[in-house]
Amino acid sequence: MAQDDLTRFEVANEETLGSYLRSTRRAAGLTLRAVEEATHKAVTNGYLSQIENGMATRPSPNVLFHLAEVYKLDYSDLLVRGGHRVPSDQAPTGGTVAGLPLRALEGLTDEEQAKLLEYIAFLRSTRPSGGGAPT
């Protein structure tokens, strides 16, 4: 395994897929039922609960695709976190948010990550009732 692939694998596995999806869902302000509706029942609330609680550890690529669409996450990253192989030309490479490289967030402790997710949820809660992202 190449060093870049190993680093991606280590980063993706620092947090379980289930806890990552749960924190992402909560930060987005979505309920399990809202995700079920948003995926047109491709991912049921019961199955998502099993994934989030570690009872289902390797959801299918189809399920991960629907979750990536709803949560606006990188599908390749979810595949890696879910234990699936990704062609090297499609492997997640990082990116930026508001000019900040995402790799800058890699060194955060679990507590710092939780605080960051809480802050993101707070920011979203202060949006006008339209709820959409600013343009």
Protein backbone atom coordinates (compact mmCIF):
# COMPACT_ATOMS: atom_id res chain seq x y z
CA MET A 1 0.00 0.00 0.00
CA ALA A 2 1.45 3.41 -0.95
CA GLN A 3 2.16 5.90 1.85
CA ASP A 4 -0.64 8.27 0.70
CA ASP A 5 -3.10 5.36 0.68
CA LEU A 6 -1.96 4.29 4.15
CA THR A 7 -2.38 7.83 5.51
CA ARG A 8 -5.89 8.06 4.05
CA PHE A 9 -6.73 4.67 5.55
CA GLU A 10 -5.44 5.68 9.00
CA VAL A 11 -7.30 9.01 8.97
CA ALA A 12 -10.53 7.38 7.82
CA ASN A 13 -10.35 4.78 10.58
CA GLU A 14 -9.60 7.10 13.52
CA GLU A 15 -13.35 7.41 14.00
CA THR A 16 -15.85 4.66 13.27
CA LEU A 17 -18.08 5.07 10.26
CA GLY A 18 -21.13 5.02 12.51
CA SER A 19 -19.95 7.76 14.86
CA TYR A 20 -18.82 9.85 11.87
CA LEU A 21 -22.24 9.55 10.21
CA ARG A 22 -24.06 10.27 13.48
CA SER A 23 -22.03 13.43 14.18
CA THR A 24 -22.50 14.56 10.57
CA ARG A 25 -26.26 13.97 10.72
CA ARG A 26 -26.56 15.84 14.00
CA ALA A 27 -24.43 18.73 12.75
CA ALA A 28 -26.77 18.97 9.74
CA GLY A 29 -29.75 19.06 12.11
CA LEU A 30 -31.35 15.96 10.59
CA THR A 31 -33.32 13.23 12.32
CA LEU A 32 -33.09 9.57 11.37
CA ARG A 33 -36.54 9.84 9.77
CA ALA A 34 -35.54 12.96 7.83
CA VAL A 35 -32.60 11.07 6.33
CA GLU A 36 -34.90 8.20 5.42
CA GLU A 37 -37.19 10.65 3.60
CA ALA A 38 -34.29 12.44 1.92
CA THR A 39 -32.98 9.12 0.55
CA HIS A 40 -36.48 8.14 -0.62
CA LYS A 41 -36.29 5.19 1.78
CA ALA A 42 -33.10 3.83 0.21
CA VAL A 43 -31.71 4.10 3.75
CA THR A 44 -34.31 3.34 6.42
CA ASN A 45 -34.11 5.08 9.78
CA GLY A 46 -33.71 1.69 11.49
CA TYR A 47 -30.77 0.68 9.31
CA LEU A 48 -29.12 4.09 9.73
CA SER A 49 -29.49 3.70 13.50
CA GLN A 50 -27.76 0.30 13.26
CA ILE A 51 -24.91 1.84 11.27
CA GLU A 52 -24.54 4.74 13.70
CA ASN A 53 -24.50 2.39 16.70
CA GLY A 54 -21.94 0.03 15.17
CA MET A 55 -24.34 -2.87 14.69
CA ALA A 56 -23.98 -2.67 10.90
CA THR A 57 -20.34 -1.92 10.14
CA ARG A 58 -20.08 -2.34 6.38
CA PRO A 59 -23.05 -0.79 4.57
CA SER A 60 -23.29 -1.30 0.83
CA PRO A 61 -21.83 1.24 -1.59
CA ASN A 62 -25.42 2.07 -2.59
CA VAL A 63 -26.33 3.05 0.99
CA LEU A 64 -23.12 5.07 1.32
CA PHE A 65 -23.86 6.82 -1.98
CA HIS A 66 -27.28 7.95 -0.75
CA LEU A 67 -25.84 9.15 2.56
CA ALA A 68 -23.05 11.03 0.78
CA GLU A 69 -25.67 12.79 -1.34
CA VAL A 70 -27.84 13.79 1.63
CA TYR A 71 -24.95 14.85 3.88
CA LYS A 72 -22.98 16.40 0.99
CA LEU A 73 -19.96 14.26 1.82
CA ASP A 74 -17.30 12.82 -0.43
CA TYR A 75 -18.57 9.43 -1.60
CA SER A 76 -15.04 8.02 -1.97
CA ASP A 77 -14.26 8.94 1.62
CA LEU A 78 -17.38 7.11 2.86
CA LEU A 79 -16.40 4.05 0.82
CA VAL A 80 -12.98 4.02 2.49
CA ARG A 81 -14.50 4.55 5.95
CA GLY A 82 -16.96 1.74 5.21
CA GLY A 83 -14.17 -0.70 4.36
CA HIS A 84 -14.66 -0.70 0.58
CA ARG A 85 -11.94 -0.39 -2.03
CA VAL A 86 -11.75 2.78 -4.09
CA PRO A 87 -9.86 3.06 -7.39
CA SER A 88 -6.75 5.15 -6.74
CA ASP A 89 -7.81 7.78 -9.28
CA GLN A 90 -11.01 8.31 -7.25
CA ALA A 91 -9.52 8.14 -3.75
CA PRO A 92 -10.29 11.15 -1.56
CA THR A 93 -7.58 13.77 -1.79
CA GLY A 94 -8.80 16.38 0.66
CA GLY A 95 -9.85 19.85 -0.24
CA THR A 96 -10.58 23.18 1.36
CA VAL A 97 -13.42 24.81 3.24
CA ALA A 98 -13.39 28.62 3.38
CA GLY A 99 -9.77 28.48 2.21
CA LEU A 100 -8.70 26.16 5.06
CA PRO A 101 -7.18 22.86 3.95
CA LEU A 102 -9.17 19.98 5.41
CA ARG A 103 -5.96 18.23 6.41
CA ALA A 104 -5.55 21.00 9.01
CA LEU A 105 -8.43 19.39 10.91
CA GLU A 106 -6.76 15.95 11.06
CA GLY A 107 -4.86 16.66 14.28
CA LEU A 108 -7.91 17.64 16.31
CA THR A 109 -8.67 15.65 19.43
CA ASP A 110 -12.06 13.96 19.83
CA GLU A 111 -13.11 16.76 22.18
CA GLU A 112 -12.03 19.44 19.70
CA GLN A 113 -13.91 17.67 16.89
CA ALA A 114 -17.06 17.52 19.04
CA LYS A 115 -16.77 21.23 19.84
CA LEU A 116 -16.27 22.05 16.17
CA LEU A 117 -19.39 20.07 15.21
CA GLU A 118 -21.36 21.83 17.96
CA TYR A 119 -20.20 25.19 16.64
CA ILE A 120 -21.19 24.30 13.08
CA ALA A 121 -24.63 23.25 14.34
CA PHE A 122 -24.89 26.56 16.22
CA LEU A 123 -23.98 28.55 13.10
CA ARG A 124 -26.62 26.71 11.09
CA SER A 125 -29.21 27.37 13.79
CA THR A 126 -28.63 31.13 13.48
CA ARG A 127 -29.54 31.20 9.79
CA PRO A 128 -32.76 32.90 8.79
CA SER A 129 -35.76 30.55 8.65
CA GLY A 130 -35.12 29.84 4.96
CA GLY A 131 -32.47 27.43 6.23
CA GLY A 132 -30.48 27.28 3.01
CA ALA A 133 -26.77 27.83 2.76
CA PRO A 134 -25.74 31.42 2.06
CA THR A 135 -25.03 32.21 -1.56
